[in-house]
C-alpha atoms as a PDB file:
ATOM      1  CA  UNK A   1      -0.054   0.069   0.250  1.00  0.00           C
ATOM      2  CA  UNK A   2       1.184   3.277  -1.107  1.00  0.00           C
ATOM      3  CA  UNK A   3       1.149   5.966   1.793  1.00  0.00           C
ATOM      4  CA  UNK A   4       0.859   9.771   1.033  1.00  0.00           C
ATOM      5  CA  UNK A   5       3.803  11.879   1.732  1.00  0.00           C
ATOM      6  CA  UNK A   6       2.138  14.948   3.216  1.00  0.00           C
ATOM      7  CA  UNK A   7       2.182  13.348   6.579  1.00  0.00           C
ATOM      8  CA  UNK A   8       6.016  12.437   6.362  1.00  0.00           C
ATOM      9  CA  UNK A   9       7.128  16.364   6.942  1.00  0.00           C
ATOM     10  CA  UNK A  10       5.628  18.061  10.140  1.00  0.00           C
ATOM     11  CA  UNK A  11       6.269  21.860   9.628  1.00  0.00           C
ATOM     12  CA  UNK A  12       4.423  24.474  11.660  1.00  0.00           C
ATOM     13  CA  UNK A  13       4.287  26.921   8.639  1.00  0.00           C
ATOM     14  CA  UNK A  14       5.475  26.322   4.867  1.00  0.00           C
ATOM     15  CA  UNK A  15       8.701  28.670   4.138  1.00  0.00           C
ATOM     16  CA  UNK A  16       6.833  31.354   2.127  1.00  0.00           C
ATOM     17  CA  UNK A  17       4.551  31.603   5.159  1.00  0.00           C
ATOM     18  CA  UNK A  18       7.675  32.489   7.188  1.00  0.00           C
ATOM     19  CA  UNK A  19       9.169  34.572   4.660  1.00  0.00           C
ATOM     20  CA  UNK A  20       5.563  36.843   4.811  1.00  0.00           C
ATOM     21  CA  UNK A  21       5.802  36.782   8.751  1.00  0.00           C
ATOM     22  CA  UNK A  22       9.190  38.138   8.492  1.00  0.00           C
ATOM     23  CA  UNK A  23       7.981  40.700   5.854  1.00  0.00           C
ATOM     24  CA  UNK A  24       4.881  41.679   7.908  1.00  0.00           C
ATOM     25  CA  UNK A  25       7.265  41.831  11.400  1.00  0.00           C
ATOM     26  CA  UNK A  26       9.497  44.069   9.558  1.00  0.00           C
ATOM     27  CA  UNK A  27       7.050  46.544   8.367  1.00  0.00           C
ATOM     28  CA  UNK A  28       5.456  46.719  11.906  1.00  0.00           C
ATOM     29  CA  UNK A  29       8.842  47.333  13.693  1.00  0.00           C
ATOM     30  CA  UNK A  30       9.967  50.309  11.198  1.00  0.00           C
ATOM     31  CA  UNK A  31       7.066  52.020  11.480  1.00  0.00           C
ATOM     32  CA  UNK A  32       7.505  51.844  15.279  1.00  0.00           C
ATOM     33  CA  UNK A  33      11.335  52.982  14.751  1.00  0.00           C
ATOM     34  CA  UNK A  34      10.065  55.904  12.760  1.00  0.00           C
ATOM     35  CA  UNK A  35       7.812  57.359  15.574  1.00  0.00           C
ATOM     36  CA  UNK A  36      10.306  56.733  18.112  1.00  0.00           C
ATOM     37  CA  UNK A  37      13.132  59.166  19.322  1.00  0.00           C
ATOM     38  CA  UNK A  38      14.961  56.531  21.925  1.00  0.00           C
ATOM     39  CA  UNK A  39      17.648  54.693  20.446  1.00  0.00           C
ATOM     40  CA  UNK A  40      17.324  52.116  23.188  1.00  0.00           C
ATOM     41  CA  UNK A  41      13.686  51.417  22.205  1.00  0.00           C
ATOM     42  CA  UNK A  42      14.577  50.934  18.682  1.00  0.00           C
ATOM     43  CA  UNK A  43      17.030  48.636  19.224  1.00  0.00           C
ATOM     44  CA  UNK A  44      15.047  46.614  21.566  1.00  0.00           C
ATOM     45  CA  UNK A  45      12.121  46.367  18.959  1.00  0.00           C
ATOM     46  CA  UNK A  46      14.891  45.433  16.016  1.00  0.00           C
ATOM     47  CA  UNK A  47      16.138  42.913  18.645  1.00  0.00           C
ATOM     48  CA  UNK A  48      12.839  41.293  19.041  1.00  0.00           C
ATOM     49  CA  UNK A  49      12.890  40.870  15.466  1.00  0.00           C
ATOM     50  CA  UNK A  50      15.977  39.028  15.201  1.00  0.00           C
ATOM     51  CA  UNK A  51      15.147  36.656  18.034  1.00  0.00           C
ATOM     52  CA  UNK A  52      11.683  35.800  16.209  1.00  0.00           C
ATOM     53  CA  UNK A  53      13.477  35.655  12.916  1.00  0.00           C
ATOM     54  CA  UNK A  54      16.464  33.409  14.317  1.00  0.00           C
ATOM     55  CA  UNK A  55      13.903  31.136  15.880  1.00  0.00           C
ATOM     56  CA  UNK A  56      11.983  30.659  12.534  1.00  0.00           C
ATOM     57  CA  UNK A  57      15.216  30.513  10.473  1.00  0.00           C
ATOM     58  CA  UNK A  58      16.108  27.130  12.584  1.00  0.00           C
ATOM     59  CA  UNK A  59      13.054  25.723  11.991  1.00  0.00           C
ATOM     60  CA  UNK A  60      13.162  26.616   8.316  1.00  0.00           C
ATOM     61  CA  UNK A  61      16.388  24.852   7.999  1.00  0.00           C
ATOM     62  CA  UNK A  62      14.826  21.489   9.509  1.00  0.00           C
ATOM     63  CA  UNK A  63      12.166  21.193   6.718  1.00  0.00           C
ATOM     64  CA  UNK A  64      11.727  18.838   4.158  1.00  0.00           C
ATOM     65  CA  UNK A  65      13.177  21.096   1.516  1.00  0.00           C
ATOM     66  CA  UNK A  66      16.135  19.660  -0.721  1.00  0.00           C
ATOM     67  CA  UNK A  67      17.857  22.914  -0.417  1.00  0.00           C
ATOM     68  CA  UNK A  68      17.640  25.869   1.963  1.00  0.00           C
ATOM     69  CA  UNK A  69      17.222  29.650   1.010  1.00  0.00           C
ATOM     70  CA  UNK A  70      19.939  32.108   2.166  1.00  0.00           C
ATOM     71  CA  UNK A  71      18.280  34.391   4.787  1.00  0.00           C
ATOM     72  CA  UNK A  72      20.218  35.670   8.107  1.00  0.00           C
ATOM     73  CA  UNK A  73      20.207  38.239  10.812  1.00  0.00           C
ATOM     74  CA  UNK A  74      23.527  39.839  12.317  1.00  0.00           C
ATOM     75  CA  UNK A  75      24.241  42.447  14.847  1.00  0.00           C
ATOM     76  CA  UNK A  76      27.330  44.736  14.805  1.00  0.00           C
ATOM     77  CA  UNK A  77      29.592  46.718  17.322  1.00  0.00           C
ATOM     78  CA  UNK A  78      32.165  48.895  16.536  1.00  0.00           C
ATOM     79  CA  UNK A  79      32.948  52.597  16.060  1.00  0.00           C
ATOM     80  CA  UNK A  80      32.497  55.485  13.445  1.00  0.00           C
ATOM     81  CA  UNK A  81      33.765  58.551  12.915  1.00  0.00           C
ATOM     82  CA  UNK A  82      32.346  61.844  11.287  1.00  0.00           C
ATOM     83  CA  UNK A  83      29.775  64.539  12.026  1.00  0.00           C
ATOM     84  CA  UNK A  84      27.453  61.753  13.157  1.00  0.00           C
ATOM     85  CA  UNK A  85      29.934  59.073  14.272  1.00  0.00           C
ATOM     86  CA  UNK A  86      30.676  58.052  17.766  1.00  0.00           C
ATOM     87  CA  UNK A  87      29.986  54.217  19.478  1.00  0.00           C
ATOM     88  CA  UNK A  88      28.355  52.412  16.837  1.00  0.00           C
ATOM     89  CA  UNK A  89      26.315  49.525  16.782  1.00  0.00           C
ATOM     90  CA  UNK A  90      23.330  47.828  15.020  1.00  0.00           C
ATOM     91  CA  UNK A  91      21.341  44.952  13.750  1.00  0.00           C
ATOM     92  CA  UNK A  92      20.395  43.419  10.339  1.00  0.00           C
ATOM     93  CA  UNK A  93      17.993  41.211   8.368  1.00  0.00           C
ATOM     94  CA  UNK A  94      19.372  39.946   5.215  1.00  0.00           C
ATOM     95  CA  UNK A  95      18.114  37.493   2.238  1.00  0.00           C
ATOM     96  CA  UNK A  96      20.078  36.607  -0.693  1.00  0.00           C
ATOM     97  CA  UNK A  97      18.672  35.816  -4.134  1.00  0.00           C
ATOM     98  CA  UNK A  98      21.364  34.276  -6.598  1.00  0.00           C
ATOM     99  CA  UNK A  99      24.026  37.000  -5.897  1.00  0.00           C
ATOM    100  CA  UNK A 100      21.412  39.974  -5.374  1.00  0.00           C
ATOM    101  CA  UNK A 101      21.575  40.807  -1.481  1.00  0.00           C
ATOM    102  CA  UNK A 102      18.521  42.652   0.087  1.00  0.00           C
ATOM    103  CA  UNK A 103      19.132  44.124   3.787  1.00  0.00           C
ATOM    104  CA  UNK A 104      17.036  45.745   6.356  1.00  0.00           C
ATOM    105  CA  UNK A 105      19.473  47.618   8.473  1.00  0.00           C
ATOM    106  CA  UNK A 106      19.219  49.524  11.827  1.00  0.00           C
ATOM    107  CA  UNK A 107      22.071  51.384  13.153  1.00  0.00           C
ATOM    108  CA  UNK A 108      22.967  53.805  15.828  1.00  0.00           C
ATOM    109  CA  UNK A 109      26.028  56.036  17.154  1.00  0.00           C
ATOM    110  CA  UNK A 110      26.664  58.067  20.202  1.00  0.00           C
ATOM    111  CA  UNK A 111      29.196  60.430  20.687  1.00  0.00           C
ATOM    112  CA  UNK A 112      30.474  61.433  24.267  1.00  0.00           C
ATOM    113  CA  UNK A 113      32.408  64.345  25.489  1.00  0.00           C
ATOM    114  CA  UNK A 114      33.968  64.395  28.938  1.00  0.00           C
ATOM    115  CA  UNK A 115      34.932  67.352  31.449  1.00  0.00           C
ATOM    116  CA  UNK A 116      36.123  67.808  34.923  1.00  0.00           C
ATOM    117  CA  UNK A 117      33.701  68.639  37.413  1.00  0.00           C
ATOM    118  CA  UNK A 118      34.950  71.446  39.060  1.00  0.00           C
ATOM    119  CA  UNK A 119      38.799  72.608  39.937  1.00  0.00           C
ATOM    120  CA  UNK A 120      37.945  71.680  43.321  1.00  0.00           C
ATOM    121  CA  UNK A 121      36.866  68.302  42.618  1.00  0.00           C
ATOM    122  CA  UNK A 122      38.488  66.684  39.945  1.00  0.00           C
ATOM    123  CA  UNK A 123      36.622  63.992  39.082  1.00  0.00           C
ATOM    124  CA  UNK A 124      36.040  63.418  35.155  1.00  0.00           C
ATOM    125  CA  UNK A 125      32.376  63.344  34.022  1.00  0.00           C
ATOM    126  CA  UNK A 126      30.844  62.213  30.604  1.00  0.00           C
ATOM    127  CA  UNK A 127      27.810  63.072  28.806  1.00  0.00           C
ATOM    128  CA  UNK A 128      26.120  62.440  25.504  1.00  0.00           C
ATOM    129  CA  UNK A 129      26.931  64.888  22.555  1.00  0.00           C
ATOM    130  CA  UNK A 130      25.245  63.470  19.664  1.00  0.00           C
ATOM    131  CA  UNK A 131      22.728  60.610  19.200  1.00  0.00           C
ATOM    132  CA  UNK A 132      22.108  59.168  15.812  1.00  0.00           C
ATOM    133  CA  UNK A 133      19.317  56.487  14.942  1.00  0.00           C
ATOM    134  CA  UNK A 134      19.387  55.477  11.292  1.00  0.00           C
ATOM    135  CA  UNK A 135      16.313  53.008  10.078  1.00  0.00           C
ATOM    136  CA  UNK A 136      17.599  51.705   5.965  1.00  0.00           C
ATOM    137  CA  UNK A 137      17.116  49.370   3.207  1.00  0.00           C
ATOM    138  CA  UNK A 138      19.998  48.389   0.990  1.00  0.00           C
ATOM    139  CA  UNK A 139      20.516  46.405  -2.274  1.00  0.00           C
ATOM    140  CA  UNK A 140      24.061  44.663  -2.930  1.00  0.00           C
ATOM    141  CA  UNK A 141      26.201  41.697  -4.280  1.00  0.00           C
ATOM    142  CA  UNK A 142      27.108  38.771  -2.198  1.00  0.00           C
ATOM    143  CA  UNK A 143      29.895  36.246  -3.209  1.00  0.00           C
ATOM    144  CA  UNK A 144      30.218  32.875  -1.526  1.00  0.00           C
ATOM    145  CA  UNK A 145      33.189  30.884  -1.680  1.00  0.00           C
ATOM    146  CA  UNK A 146      33.257  27.652   0.639  1.00  0.00           C
ATOM    147  CA  UNK A 147      32.876  28.923   4.129  1.00  0.00           C
ATOM    148  CA  UNK A 148      33.272  32.492   3.098  1.00  0.00           C
ATOM    149  CA  UNK A 149      31.438  35.503   1.724  1.00  0.00           C
ATOM    150  CA  UNK A 150      32.046  38.925   0.886  1.00  0.00           C
ATOM    151  CA  UNK A 151      29.381  41.555  -0.170  1.00  0.00           C
ATOM    152  CA  UNK A 152      28.648  45.479  -0.982  1.00  0.00           C
ATOM    153  CA  UNK A 153      25.590  47.117  -0.613  1.00  0.00           C
ATOM    154  CA  UNK A 154      24.287  50.519  -1.100  1.00  0.00           C
ATOM    155  CA  UNK A 155      20.552  51.931  -0.192  1.00  0.00           C
ATOM    156  CA  UNK A 156      18.223  54.393   1.152  1.00  0.00           C
ATOM    157  CA  UNK A 157      17.931  55.594   4.618  1.00  0.00           C
ATOM    158  CA  UNK A 158      15.602  57.575   7.439  1.00  0.00           C
ATOM    159  CA  UNK A 159      17.923  59.024   9.612  1.00  0.00           C
ATOM    160  CA  UNK A 160      17.321  61.056  12.917  1.00  0.00           C
ATOM    161  CA  UNK A 161      19.942  63.004  15.015  1.00  0.00           C
ATOM    162  CA  UNK A 162      19.928  64.911  18.182  1.00  0.00           C
ATOM    163  CA  UNK A 163      22.913  66.930  19.032  1.00  0.00           C
ATOM    164  CA  UNK A 164      23.418  68.747  22.078  1.00  0.00           C
ATOM    165  CA  UNK A 165      24.709  72.462  21.707  1.00  0.00           C
ATOM    166  CA  UNK A 166      25.386  75.225  24.056  1.00  0.00           C
ATOM    167  CA  UNK A 167      23.956  78.790  23.466  1.00  0.00           C
ATOM    168  CA  UNK A 168      24.652  81.507  26.223  1.00  0.00           C
ATOM    169  CA  UNK A 169      26.047  78.858  28.652  1.00  0.00           C
ATOM    170  CA  UNK A 170      22.543  77.416  28.267  1.00  0.00           C
ATOM    171  CA  UNK A 171      22.190  73.813  26.844  1.00  0.00           C
ATOM    172  CA  UNK A 172      19.916  72.970  24.046  1.00  0.00           C
ATOM    173  CA  UNK A 173      18.664  69.673  22.171  1.00  0.00           C
ATOM    174  CA  UNK A 174      19.079  70.159  18.244  1.00  0.00           C
ATOM    175  CA  UNK A 175      16.616  67.538  16.535  1.00  0.00           C
ATOM    176  CA  UNK A 176      16.921  66.823  12.975  1.00  0.00           C
ATOM    177  CA  UNK A 177      15.589  64.146  10.204  1.00  0.00           C
ATOM    178  CA  UNK A 178      16.945  63.929   6.945  1.00  0.00           C
ATOM    179  CA  UNK A 179      17.320  60.960   4.238  1.00  0.00           C
ATOM    180  CA  UNK A 180      21.259  59.165   3.176  1.00  0.00           C
ATOM    181  CA  UNK A 181      22.977  57.063   1.120  1.00  0.00           C
ATOM    182  CA  UNK A 182      23.928  53.938   3.433  1.00  0.00           C
ATOM    183  CA  UNK A 183      26.462  51.579   2.478  1.00  0.00           C
ATOM    184  CA  UNK A 184      28.601  48.678   3.674  1.00  0.00           C
ATOM    185  CA  UNK A 185      31.062  46.195   3.036  1.00  0.00           C
ATOM    186  CA  UNK A 186      31.480  42.374   4.747  1.00  0.00           C
ATOM    187  CA  UNK A 187      33.509  39.948   4.844  1.00  0.00           C
ATOM    188  CA  UNK A 188      32.358  36.795   7.138  1.00  0.00           C
ATOM    189  CA  UNK A 189      33.385  33.127   7.804  1.00  0.00           C
ATOM    190  CA  UNK A 190      30.990  30.276   8.437  1.00  0.00           C
ATOM    191  CA  UNK A 191      30.593  26.717   8.450  1.00  0.00           C
ATOM    192  CA  UNK A 192      31.248  24.990   5.405  1.00  0.00           C
ATOM    193  CA  UNK A 193      28.571  22.140   5.201  1.00  0.00           C
ATOM    194  CA  UNK A 194      25.947  20.835   7.536  1.00  0.00           C
ATOM    195  CA  UNK A 195      26.719  19.998  11.010  1.00  0.00           C
ATOM    196  CA  UNK A 196      24.993  20.113  14.314  1.00  0.00           C
ATOM    197  CA  UNK A 197      24.227  23.320  16.405  1.00  0.00           C
ATOM    198  CA  UNK A 198      26.496  24.377  18.841  1.00  0.00           C
ATOM    199  CA  UNK A 199      25.344  26.147  22.139  1.00  0.00           C
ATOM    200  CA  UNK A 200      27.198  27.290  25.131  1.00  0.00           C
ATOM    201  CA  UNK A 201      30.254  29.527  23.356  1.00  0.00           C
ATOM    202  CA  UNK A 202      30.043  26.511  20.434  1.00  0.00           C
ATOM    203  CA  UNK A 203      31.154  23.775  22.644  1.00  0.00           C
ATOM    204  CA  UNK A 204      28.026  21.764  23.288  1.00  0.00           C
ATOM    205  CA  UNK A 205      26.585  19.971  19.681  1.00  0.00           C
ATOM    206  CA  UNK A 206      22.656  19.572  20.001  1.00  0.00           C
ATOM    207  CA  UNK A 207      20.569  18.198  17.620  1.00  0.00           C
ATOM    208  CA  UNK A 208      21.277  16.921  14.071  1.00  0.00           C
ATOM    209  CA  UNK A 209      22.915  18.393  11.227  1.00  0.00           C
ATOM    210  CA  UNK A 210      21.605  21.695  10.148  1.00  0.00           C
ATOM    211  CA  UNK A 211      22.077  24.655   7.857  1.00  0.00           C
ATOM    212  CA  UNK A 212      21.070  26.876  10.809  1.00  0.00           C
ATOM    213  CA  UNK A 213      24.522  28.517  12.198  1.00  0.00           C
ATOM    214  CA  UNK A 214      26.518  31.314  13.315  1.00  0.00           C
ATOM    215  CA  UNK A 215      28.986  33.549  11.420  1.00  0.00           C
ATOM    216  CA  UNK A 216      31.718  36.083  12.258  1.00  0.00           C
ATOM    217  CA  UNK A 217      33.234  39.056  10.278  1.00  0.00           C
ATOM    218  CA  UNK A 218      34.126  42.390  10.001  1.00  0.00           C
ATOM    219  CA  UNK A 219      32.083  45.104   8.363  1.00  0.00           C
ATOM    220  CA  UNK A 220      32.743  48.900   6.837  1.00  0.00           C
ATOM    221  CA  UNK A 221      29.717  50.769   7.199  1.00  0.00           C
ATOM    222  CA  UNK A 222      28.565  54.421   6.557  1.00  0.00           C
ATOM    223  CA  UNK A 223      25.967  57.045   5.261  1.00  0.00           C
ATOM    224  CA  UNK A 224      26.258  59.702   2.941  1.00  0.00           C
ATOM    225  CA  UNK A 225      23.960  62.402   3.891  1.00  0.00           C
ATOM    226  CA  UNK A 226      24.162  65.817   5.483  1.00  0.00           C
ATOM    227  CA  UNK A 227      26.037  64.417   8.685  1.00  0.00           C
ATOM    228  CA  UNK A 228      27.866  62.016   6.852  1.00  0.00           C
ATOM    229  CA  UNK A 229      29.934  59.450   8.816  1.00  0.00           C
ATOM    230  CA  UNK A 230      31.954  55.864   8.387  1.00  0.00           C
ATOM    231  CA  UNK A 231      33.260  53.266  10.780  1.00  0.00           C
ATOM    232  CA  UNK A 232      33.963  49.452  11.230  1.00  0.00           C
ATOM    233  CA  UNK A 233      32.772  47.021  13.438  1.00  0.00           C
ATOM    234  CA  UNK A 234      32.784  43.248  14.305  1.00  0.00           C
ATOM    235  CA  UNK A 235      29.752  41.669  13.211  1.00  0.00           C
ATOM    236  CA  UNK A 236      28.035  38.218  14.206  1.00  0.00           C
ATOM    237  CA  UNK A 237      25.265  36.651  12.154  1.00  0.00           C
ATOM    238  CA  UNK A 238      22.725  33.698  12.738  1.00  0.00           C
ATOM    239  CA  UNK A 239      21.120  31.698  10.260  1.00  0.00           C
ATOM    240  CA  UNK A 240      21.380  30.188   6.863  1.00  0.00           C
ATOM    241  CA  UNK A 241      24.336  31.727   5.079  1.00  0.00           C
ATOM    242  CA  UNK A 242      24.796  29.093   2.034  1.00  0.00           C
ATOM    243  CA  UNK A 243      22.975  26.576   0.280  1.00  0.00           C
ATOM    244  CA  UNK A 244      23.854  23.343   1.856  1.00  0.00           C
END
């Protein structure tokens, strides 16, 4: 007796349904970030999105598909220079079709300035000089060589910058919003073949061999705009980094 194979693969959602879910959540979080003035809140929004996507990517990698799609999330931390530069970080969602790479990026940069409390109490203090929030969509090319990838991307961004200025000995926060041309270049390393996913700093393998895994690399990034900046960072990702 021939048994139907429909019951052989049990998946909570099809791949297409999961991609639609990610797209819907991305739109929700973009709208939330455009109306938010807090970098912490923006980063929290995108971090939750990254977590949701990572959980779903692991489920996608274990479906009955012969070959997985390329879809991964990543976070980066570094430093940038320029009128809107400073200590920088952000998160991204990436989808690759052939060599075309589509990216949704949130980045933030905080610049600090220091001073002395008083001549009598010579203790240093730090205060925020400027804070940048950037939400951008990028398109580029990504090339894969076994367990390594190179990518270059350009796009469009909405930027919000808050600056602390002094006028007649009064501190004033100047806020501005503008569009820009974001860019980035990446080099990253990941596993060359399906392996068991590792937890606890990569020491403990769990489950069956899967396409889902981590990546590590370096990122050059920036934005050409009214307040241009450029920077470098370390980047760590989770997802499906190549077709296995």
